[in-house]
Amino acid sequence: DSVQFADKLKEIENDGFYNKIIFLIGGSNGLSDN
């Protein structure tokens, strides 16, 4: 839900290791297994 999503973003930011969050959205066939 929206609050859990916000908490997830905060968790990633607080980890301290990650410089960037990348969201990947596939085309009409979705994302490959790779």
PDB file of all heavy atoms in Angstrom:
ATOM      1  N   ASP A   1       0.859  -1.175   0.000  1.00  0.00           N
ATOM      2  CA  ASP A   1       0.000   0.000   0.000  1.00  0.00           C
ATOM      3  C   ASP A   1       0.907   1.240   0.000  1.00  0.00           C
ATOM      4  O   ASP A   1       2.137   1.128   0.029  1.00  0.00           O
ATOM      5  CB  ASP A   1      -0.993  -0.019   1.164  1.00  0.00           C
ATOM      6  CG  ASP A   1      -0.357   0.042   2.549  1.00  0.00           C
ATOM      7  OD1 ASP A   1       0.748   0.610   2.704  1.00  0.00           O
ATOM      8  OD2 ASP A   1      -0.975  -0.473   3.501  1.00  0.00           O
ATOM      9  N   SER A   2       0.330   2.418  -0.034  1.00  0.00           N
ATOM     10  CA  SER A   2       1.127   3.647  -0.165  1.00  0.00           C
ATOM     11  C   SER A   2       2.079   3.869   1.003  1.00  0.00           C
ATOM     12  O   SER A   2       3.221   4.304   0.806  1.00  0.00           O
ATOM     13  CB  SER A   2       0.210   4.858  -0.328  1.00  0.00           C
ATOM     14  OG  SER A   2      -0.490   4.762  -1.558  1.00  0.00           O
ATOM     15  N   VAL A   3       1.643   3.578   2.208  1.00  0.00           N
ATOM     16  CA  VAL A   3       2.514   3.761   3.378  1.00  0.00           C
ATOM     17  C   VAL A   3       3.651   2.739   3.349  1.00  0.00           C
ATOM     18  O   VAL A   3       4.805   3.076   3.624  1.00  0.00           O
ATOM     19  CB  VAL A   3       1.703   3.675   4.693  1.00  0.00           C
ATOM     20  CG1 VAL A   3       2.621   3.696   5.907  1.00  0.00           C
ATOM     21  CG2 VAL A   3       0.697   4.828   4.772  1.00  0.00           C
ATOM     22  N   GLN A   4       3.345   1.507   3.003  1.00  0.00           N
ATOM     23  CA  GLN A   4       4.392   0.482   2.894  1.00  0.00           C
ATOM     24  C   GLN A   4       5.389   0.833   1.787  1.00  0.00           C
ATOM     25  O   GLN A   4       6.589   0.621   1.938  1.00  0.00           O
ATOM     26  CB  GLN A   4       3.773  -0.895   2.610  1.00  0.00           C
ATOM     27  CG  GLN A   4       2.990  -1.457   3.764  1.00  0.00           C
ATOM     28  CD  GLN A   4       2.177  -2.685   3.358  1.00  0.00           C
ATOM     29  OE1 GLN A   4       1.686  -2.795   2.230  1.00  0.00           O
ATOM     30  NE2 GLN A   4       2.037  -3.615   4.299  1.00  0.00           N
ATOM     31  N   PHE A   5       4.900   1.379   0.689  1.00  0.00           N
ATOM     32  CA  PHE A   5       5.771   1.798  -0.402  1.00  0.00           C
ATOM     33  C   PHE A   5       6.706   2.917   0.068  1.00  0.00           C
ATOM     34  O   PHE A   5       7.905   2.891  -0.197  1.00  0.00           O
ATOM     35  CB  PHE A   5       4.933   2.240  -1.601  1.00  0.00           C
ATOM     36  CG  PHE A   5       5.741   2.637  -2.810  1.00  0.00           C
ATOM     37  CD1 PHE A   5       6.435   1.689  -3.540  1.00  0.00           C
ATOM     38  CD2 PHE A   5       5.790   3.953  -3.222  1.00  0.00           C
ATOM     39  CE1 PHE A   5       7.178   2.047  -4.669  1.00  0.00           C
ATOM     40  CE2 PHE A   5       6.521   4.325  -4.340  1.00  0.00           C
ATOM     41  CZ  PHE A   5       7.214   3.368  -5.064  1.00  0.00           C
ATOM     42  N   ALA A   6       6.154   3.885   0.796  1.00  0.00           N
ATOM     43  CA  ALA A   6       6.983   4.965   1.349  1.00  0.00           C
ATOM     44  C   ALA A   6       8.039   4.397   2.292  1.00  0.00           C
ATOM     45  O   ALA A   6       9.211   4.791   2.237  1.00  0.00           O
ATOM     46  CB  ALA A   6       6.094   5.977   2.085  1.00  0.00           C
ATOM     47  N   ASP A   7       7.630   3.469   3.136  1.00  0.00           N
ATOM     48  CA  ASP A   7       8.579   2.834   4.060  1.00  0.00           C
ATOM     49  C   ASP A   7       9.675   2.081   3.316  1.00  0.00           C
ATOM     50  O   ASP A   7      10.834   2.087   3.732  1.00  0.00           O
ATOM     51  CB  ASP A   7       7.852   1.886   5.017  1.00  0.00           C
ATOM     52  CG  ASP A   7       6.988   2.615   6.039  1.00  0.00           C
ATOM     53  OD1 ASP A   7       7.204   3.831   6.256  1.00  0.00           O
ATOM     54  OD2 ASP A   7       6.092   1.963   6.619  1.00  0.00           O
ATOM     55  N   LYS A   8       9.321   1.450   2.205  1.00  0.00           N
ATOM     56  CA  LYS A   8      10.308   0.722   1.399  1.00  0.00           C
ATOM     57  C   LYS A   8      11.339   1.688   0.816  1.00  0.00           C
ATOM     58  O   LYS A   8      12.550   1.417   0.850  1.00  0.00           O
ATOM     59  CB  LYS A   8       9.607  -0.068   0.286  1.00  0.00           C
ATOM     60  CG  LYS A   8      10.534  -0.905  -0.559  1.00  0.00           C
ATOM     61  CD  LYS A   8      11.122  -2.056   0.247  1.00  0.00           C
ATOM     62  CE  LYS A   8      11.965  -2.971  -0.593  1.00  0.00           C
ATOM     63  NZ  LYS A   8      12.601  -4.030   0.193  1.00  0.00           N
ATOM     64  N   LEU A   9      10.884   2.818   0.308  1.00  0.00           N
ATOM     65  CA  LEU A   9      11.816   3.823  -0.222  1.00  0.00           C
ATOM     66  C   LEU A   9      12.745   4.332   0.877  1.00  0.00           C
ATOM     67  O   LEU A   9      13.956   4.479   0.668  1.00  0.00           O
ATOM     68  CB  LEU A   9      11.052   4.990  -0.859  1.00  0.00           C
ATOM     69  CG  LEU A   9      10.243   4.686  -2.106  1.00  0.00           C
ATOM     70  CD1 LEU A   9       9.578   5.949  -2.621  1.00  0.00           C
ATOM     71  CD2 LEU A   9      11.093   4.047  -3.189  1.00  0.00           C
ATOM     72  N   LYS A  10      12.190   4.573   2.050  1.00  0.00           N
ATOM     73  CA  LYS A  10      12.990   5.043   3.182  1.00  0.00           C
ATOM     74  C   LYS A  10      14.010   3.973   3.601  1.00  0.00           C
ATOM     75  O   LYS A  10      15.171   4.283   3.909  1.00  0.00           O
ATOM     76  CB  LYS A  10      12.077   5.410   4.357  1.00  0.00           C
ATOM     77  CG  LYS A  10      12.779   6.095   5.487  1.00  0.00           C
ATOM     78  CD  LYS A  10      13.253   7.454   5.041  1.00  0.00           C
ATOM     79  CE  LYS A  10      13.829   8.221   6.206  1.00  0.00           C
ATOM     80  NZ  LYS A  10      14.507   9.429   5.742  1.00  0.00           N
ATOM     81  N   GLU A  11      13.590   2.726   3.629  1.00  0.00           N
ATOM     82  CA  GLU A  11      14.474   1.613   3.981  1.00  0.00           C
ATOM     83  C   GLU A  11      15.672   1.545   3.020  1.00  0.00           C
ATOM     84  O   GLU A  11      16.814   1.361   3.440  1.00  0.00           O
ATOM     85  CB  GLU A  11      13.679   0.309   3.928  1.00  0.00           C
ATOM     86  CG  GLU A  11      14.472  -0.947   4.116  1.00  0.00           C
ATOM     87  CD  GLU A  11      13.606  -2.180   3.852  1.00  0.00           C
ATOM     88  OE1 GLU A  11      12.439  -2.215   4.286  1.00  0.00           O
ATOM     89  OE2 GLU A  11      14.107  -3.098   3.182  1.00  0.00           O
ATOM     90  N   ILE A  12      15.397   1.693   1.729  1.00  0.00           N
ATOM     91  CA  ILE A  12      16.472   1.661   0.724  1.00  0.00           C
ATOM     92  C   ILE A  12      17.421   2.837   0.946  1.00  0.00           C
ATOM     93  O   ILE A  12      18.643   2.677   0.935  1.00  0.00           O
ATOM     94  CB  ILE A  12      15.890   1.689  -0.700  1.00  0.00           C
ATOM     95  CG1 ILE A  12      15.037   0.443  -0.952  1.00  0.00           C
ATOM     96  CG2 ILE A  12      17.010   1.813  -1.740  1.00  0.00           C
ATOM     97  CD1 ILE A  12      14.129   0.543  -2.169  1.00  0.00           C
ATOM     98  N   GLU A  13      16.865   4.016   1.174  1.00  0.00           N
ATOM     99  CA  GLU A  13      17.685   5.208   1.402  1.00  0.00           C
ATOM    100  C   GLU A  13      18.519   5.059   2.671  1.00  0.00           C
ATOM    101  O   GLU A  13      19.708   5.386   2.691  1.00  0.00           O
ATOM    102  CB  GLU A  13      16.800   6.446   1.501  1.00  0.00           C
ATOM    103  CG  GLU A  13      17.586   7.722   1.702  1.00  0.00           C
ATOM    104  CD  GLU A  13      16.698   8.937   1.836  1.00  0.00           C
ATOM    105  OE1 GLU A  13      15.555   8.814   2.323  1.00  0.00           O
ATOM    106  OE2 GLU A  13      17.155  10.030   1.455  1.00  0.00           O
ATOM    107  N   ASN A  14      17.921   4.541   3.724  1.00  0.00           N
ATOM    108  CA  ASN A  14      18.619   4.407   5.010  1.00  0.00           C
ATOM    109  C   ASN A  14      19.696   3.332   4.991  1.00  0.00           C
ATOM    110  O   ASN A  14      20.580   3.341   5.840  1.00  0.00           O
ATOM    111  CB  ASN A  14      17.622   4.103   6.132  1.00  0.00           C
ATOM    112  CG  ASN A  14      16.812   5.316   6.526  1.00  0.00           C
ATOM    113  OD1 ASN A  14      17.150   6.447   6.188  1.00  0.00           O
ATOM    114  ND2 ASN A  14      15.712   5.079   7.226  1.00  0.00           N
ATOM    115  N   ASP A  15      19.619   2.420   4.038  1.00  0.00           N
ATOM    116  CA  ASP A  15      20.628   1.369   3.934  1.00  0.00           C
ATOM    117  C   ASP A  15      22.026   1.978   3.810  1.00  0.00           C
ATOM    118  O   ASP A  15      22.989   1.445   4.354  1.00  0.00           O
ATOM    119  CB  ASP A  15      20.313   0.456   2.750  1.00  0.00           C
ATOM    120  CG  ASP A  15      21.273  -0.696   2.625  1.00  0.00           C
ATOM    121  OD1 ASP A  15      22.359  -0.483   2.055  1.00  0.00           O
ATOM    122  OD2 ASP A  15      20.955  -1.798   3.102  1.00  0.00           O
ATOM    123  N   GLY A  16      22.127   3.093   3.093  1.00  0.00           N
ATOM    124  CA  GLY A  16      23.396   3.785   2.957  1.00  0.00           C
ATOM    125  C   GLY A  16      24.293   3.268   1.848  1.00  0.00           C
ATOM    126  O   GLY A  16      25.254   3.917   1.468  1.00  0.00           O
ATOM    127  N   PHE A  17      23.991   2.115   1.295  1.00  0.00           N
ATOM    128  CA  PHE A  17      24.821   1.538   0.240  1.00  0.00           C
ATOM    129  C   PHE A  17      24.424   2.050  -1.140  1.00  0.00           C
ATOM    130  O   PHE A  17      25.261   2.219  -2.016  1.00  0.00           O
ATOM    131  CB  PHE A  17      24.734   0.006   0.264  1.00  0.00           C
ATOM    132  CG  PHE A  17      25.496  -0.664  -0.841  1.00  0.00           C
ATOM    133  CD1 PHE A  17      26.886  -0.741  -0.802  1.00  0.00           C
ATOM    134  CD2 PHE A  17      24.831  -1.205  -1.931  1.00  0.00           C
ATOM    135  CE1 PHE A  17      27.596  -1.356  -1.833  1.00  0.00           C
ATOM    136  CE2 PHE A  17      25.528  -1.823  -2.964  1.00  0.00           C
ATOM    137  CZ  PHE A  17      26.922  -1.895  -2.917  1.00  0.00           C
ATOM    138  N   TYR A  18      23.138   2.302  -1.314  1.00  0.00           N
ATOM    139  CA  TYR A  18      22.617   2.600  -2.644  1.00  0.00           C
ATOM    140  C   TYR A  18      22.627   4.093  -2.935  1.00  0.00           C
ATOM    141  O   TYR A  18      22.212   4.904  -2.122  1.00  0.00           O
ATOM    142  CB  TYR A  18      21.205   2.033  -2.791  1.00  0.00           C
ATOM    143  CG  TYR A  18      21.189   0.537  -2.607  1.00  0.00           C
ATOM    144  CD1 TYR A  18      20.762  -0.038  -1.411  1.00  0.00           C
ATOM    145  CD2 TYR A  18      21.641  -0.295  -3.619  1.00  0.00           C
ATOM    146  CE1 TYR A  18      20.781  -1.406  -1.246  1.00  0.00           C
ATOM    147  CE2 TYR A  18      21.663  -1.675  -3.452  1.00  0.00           C
ATOM    148  CZ  TYR A  18      21.231  -2.217  -2.268  1.00  0.00           C
ATOM    149  OH  TYR A  18      21.262  -3.577  -2.098  1.00  0.00           O
ATOM    150  N   ASN A  19      23.104   4.441  -4.145  1.00  0.00           N
ATOM    151  CA  ASN A  19      23.122   5.836  -4.597  1.00  0.00           C
ATOM    152  C   ASN A  19      21.859   6.216  -5.341  1.00  0.00           C
ATOM    153  O   ASN A  19      21.519   7.388  -5.436  1.00  0.00           O
ATOM    154  CB  ASN A  19      24.314   6.083  -5.541  1.00  0.00           C
ATOM    155  CG  ASN A  19      25.629   6.012  -4.823  1.00  0.00           C
ATOM    156  OD1 ASN A  19      25.713   6.263  -3.633  1.00  0.00           O
ATOM    157  ND2 ASN A  19      26.670   5.658  -5.557  1.00  0.00           N
ATOM    158  N   LYS A  20      21.186   5.209  -5.877  1.00  0.00           N
ATOM    159  CA  LYS A  20      20.069   5.483  -6.765  1.00  0.00           C
ATOM    160  C   LYS A  20      19.089   4.320  -6.708  1.00  0.00           C
ATOM    161  O   LYS A  20      19.488   3.170  -6.553  1.00  0.00           O
ATOM    162  CB  LYS A  20      20.627   5.653  -8.179  1.00  0.00           C
ATOM    163  CG  LYS A  20      19.658   5.894  -9.251  1.00  0.00           C
ATOM    164  CD  LYS A  20      20.264   6.169 -10.641  1.00  0.00           C
ATOM    165  CE  LYS A  20      21.645   5.723 -10.896  1.00  0.00           C
ATOM    166  NZ  LYS A  20      22.104   5.982 -12.262  1.00  0.00           N
ATOM    167  N   ILE A  21      17.817   4.649  -6.869  1.00  0.00           N
ATOM    168  CA  ILE A  21      16.777   3.641  -7.039  1.00  0.00           C
ATOM    169  C   ILE A  21      16.340   3.698  -8.494  1.00  0.00           C
ATOM    170  O   ILE A  21      15.999   4.776  -9.000  1.00  0.00           O
ATOM    171  CB  ILE A  21      15.573   3.881  -6.114  1.00  0.00           C
ATOM    172  CG1 ILE A  21      15.992   3.890  -4.648  1.00  0.00           C
ATOM    173  CG2 ILE A  21      14.492   2.820  -6.357  1.00  0.00           C
ATOM    174  CD1 ILE A  21      14.892   4.318  -3.695  1.00  0.00           C
ATOM    175  N   ILE A  22      16.373   2.557  -9.149  1.00  0.00           N
ATOM    176  CA  ILE A  22      15.963   2.471 -10.546  1.00  0.00           C
ATOM    177  C   ILE A  22      14.715   1.602 -10.629  1.00  0.00           C
ATOM    178  O   ILE A  22      14.735   0.445 -10.203  1.00  0.00           O
ATOM    179  CB  ILE A  22      17.075   1.865 -11.426  1.00  0.00           C
ATOM    180  CG1 ILE A  22      18.331   2.735 -11.370  1.00  0.00           C
ATOM    181  CG2 ILE A  22      16.584   1.699 -12.864  1.00  0.00           C
ATOM    182  CD1 ILE A  22      19.527   2.115 -12.078  1.00  0.00           C
ATOM    183  N   PHE A  23      13.637   2.173 -11.142  1.00  0.00           N
ATOM    184  CA  PHE A  23      12.406   1.429 -11.388  1.00  0.00           C
ATOM    185  C   PHE A  23      12.379   1.051 -12.868  1.00  0.00           C
ATOM    186  O   PHE A  23      12.506   1.929 -13.728  1.00  0.00           O
ATOM    187  CB  PHE A  23      11.183   2.287 -11.071  1.00  0.00           C
ATOM    188  CG  PHE A  23      10.990   2.557  -9.604  1.00  0.00           C
ATOM    189  CD1 PHE A  23      11.534   3.679  -9.012  1.00  0.00           C
ATOM    190  CD2 PHE A  23      10.249   1.685  -8.818  1.00  0.00           C
ATOM    191  CE1 PHE A  23      11.352   3.934  -7.662  1.00  0.00           C
ATOM    192  CE2 PHE A  23      10.053   1.933  -7.472  1.00  0.00           C
ATOM    193  CZ  PHE A  23      10.619   3.056  -6.890  1.00  0.00           C
ATOM    194  N   LEU A  24      12.230  -0.230 -13.165  1.00  0.00           N
ATOM    195  CA  LEU A  24      12.192  -0.711 -14.547  1.00  0.00           C
ATOM    196  C   LEU A  24      10.777  -1.127 -14.924  1.00  0.00           C
ATOM    197  O   LEU A  24      10.159  -1.958 -14.237  1.00  0.00           O
ATOM    198  CB  LEU A  24      13.133  -1.896 -14.733  1.00  0.00           C
ATOM    199  CG  LEU A  24      14.628  -1.611 -14.616  1.00  0.00           C
ATOM    200  CD1 LEU A  24      15.430  -2.904 -14.751  1.00  0.00           C
ATOM    201  CD2 LEU A  24      15.074  -0.611 -15.661  1.00  0.00           C
ATOM    202  N   ILE A  25      10.288  -0.549 -16.002  1.00  0.00           N
ATOM    203  CA  ILE A  25       8.957  -0.849 -16.510  1.00  0.00           C
ATOM    204  C   ILE A  25       9.113  -1.419 -17.911  1.00  0.00           C
ATOM    205  O   ILE A  25       9.709  -0.776 -18.793  1.00  0.00           O
ATOM    206  CB  ILE A  25       8.076   0.419 -16.556  1.00  0.00           C
ATOM    207  CG1 ILE A  25       7.934   1.011 -15.151  1.00  0.00           C
ATOM    208  CG2 ILE A  25       6.718   0.111 -17.171  1.00  0.00           C
ATOM    209  CD1 ILE A  25       7.264   2.371 -15.119  1.00  0.00           C
ATOM    210  N   GLY A  26       8.613  -2.601 -18.119  1.00  0.00           N
ATOM    211  CA  GLY A  26       8.723  -3.254 -19.412  1.00  0.00           C
ATOM    212  C   GLY A  26       7.740  -2.706 -20.421  1.00  0.00           C
ATOM    213  O   GLY A  26       6.816  -1.958 -20.092  1.00  0.00           O
ATOM    214  N   GLY A  27       7.933  -3.094 -21.657  1.00  0.00           N
ATOM    215  CA  GLY A  27       7.021  -2.723 -22.733  1.00  0.00           C
ATOM    216  C   GLY A  27       5.824  -3.657 -22.761  1.00  0.00           C
ATOM    217  O   GLY A  27       5.464  -4.268 -21.747  1.00  0.00           O
ATOM    218  N   SER A  28       5.258  -3.836 -23.933  1.00  0.00           N
ATOM    219  CA  SER A  28       4.035  -4.634 -24.052  1.00  0.00           C
ATOM    220  C   SER A  28       4.242  -6.105 -23.696  1.00  0.00           C
ATOM    221  O   SER A  28       3.303  -6.787 -23.302  1.00  0.00           O
ATOM    222  CB  SER A  28       3.469  -4.522 -25.468  1.00  0.00           C
ATOM    223  OG  SER A  28       4.426  -4.953 -26.409  1.00  0.00           O
ATOM    224  N   ASN A  29       5.465  -6.592 -23.775  1.00  0.00           N
ATOM    225  CA  ASN A  29       5.747  -7.985 -23.411  1.00  0.00           C
ATOM    226  C   ASN A  29       6.274  -8.122 -21.987  1.00  0.00           C
ATOM    227  O   ASN A  29       6.703  -9.209 -21.592  1.00  0.00           O
ATOM    228  CB  ASN A  29       6.749  -8.601 -24.397  1.00  0.00           C
ATOM    229  CG  ASN A  29       6.166  -8.724 -25.785  1.00  0.00           C
ATOM    230  OD1 ASN A  29       4.993  -9.040 -25.941  1.00  0.00           O
ATOM    231  ND2 ASN A  29       6.970  -8.445 -26.792  1.00  0.00           N
ATOM    232  N   GLY A  30       6.270  -7.051 -21.228  1.00  0.00           N
ATOM    233  CA  GLY A  30       6.772  -7.101 -19.854  1.00  0.00           C
ATOM    234  C   GLY A  30       8.286  -7.134 -19.822  1.00  0.00           C
ATOM    235  O   GLY A  30       8.959  -6.735 -20.769  1.00  0.00           O
ATOM    236  N   LEU A  31       8.834  -7.595 -18.715  1.00  0.00           N
ATOM    237  CA  LEU A  31      10.283  -7.676 -18.518  1.00  0.00           C
ATOM    238  C   LEU A  31      10.746  -9.117 -18.724  1.00  0.00           C
ATOM    239  O   LEU A  31      10.047 -10.060 -18.351  1.00  0.00           O
ATOM    240  CB  LEU A  31      10.652  -7.225 -17.102  1.00  0.00           C
ATOM    241  CG  LEU A  31      10.353  -5.769 -16.767  1.00  0.00           C
ATOM    242  CD1 LEU A  31      10.484  -5.534 -15.263  1.00  0.00           C
ATOM    243  CD2 LEU A  31      11.271  -4.834 -17.532  1.00  0.00           C
ATOM    244  N   SER A  32      11.937  -9.256 -19.259  1.00  0.00           N
ATOM    245  CA  SER A  32      12.482 -10.597 -19.479  1.00  0.00           C
ATOM    246  C   SER A  32      12.890 -11.230 -18.150  1.00  0.00           C
ATOM    247  O   SER A  32      13.090 -10.535 -17.151  1.00  0.00           O
ATOM    248  CB  SER A  32      13.697 -10.525 -20.405  1.00  0.00           C
ATOM    249  OG  SER A  32      14.789  -9.930 -19.729  1.00  0.00           O
ATOM    250  N   ASP A  33      13.029 -12.527 -18.152  1.00  0.00           N
ATOM    251  CA  ASP A  33      13.513 -13.232 -16.962  1.00  0.00           C
ATOM    252  C   ASP A  33      14.916 -12.761 -16.590  1.00  0.00           C
ATOM    253  O   ASP A  33      15.253 -12.694 -15.416  1.00  0.00           O
ATOM    254  CB  ASP A  33      13.504 -14.746 -17.184  1.00  0.00           C
ATOM    255  CG  ASP A  33      12.093 -15.313 -17.230  1.00  0.00           C
ATOM    256  OD1 ASP A  33      11.165 -14.665 -16.702  1.00  0.00           O
ATOM    257  OD2 ASP A  33      11.919 -16.409 -17.794  1.00  0.00           O
ATOM    258  N   ASN A  34      15.728 -12.426 -17.586  1.00  0.00           N
ATOM    259  CA  ASN A  34      17.075 -11.900 -17.340  1.00  0.00           C
ATOM    260  C   ASN A  34      17.017 -10.614 -16.515  1.00  0.00           C
ATOM    261  O   ASN A  34      17.747 -10.454 -15.541  1.00  0.00           O
ATOM    262  CB  ASN A  34      17.799 -11.647 -18.669  1.00  0.00           C
ATOM    263  CG  ASN A  34      19.151 -11.008 -18.470  1.00  0.00           C
ATOM    264  OD1 ASN A  34      19.988 -11.509 -17.726  1.00  0.00           O
ATOM    265  ND2 ASN A  34      19.367  -9.884 -19.131  1.00  0.00           N
TER     266      ASN A  34
END
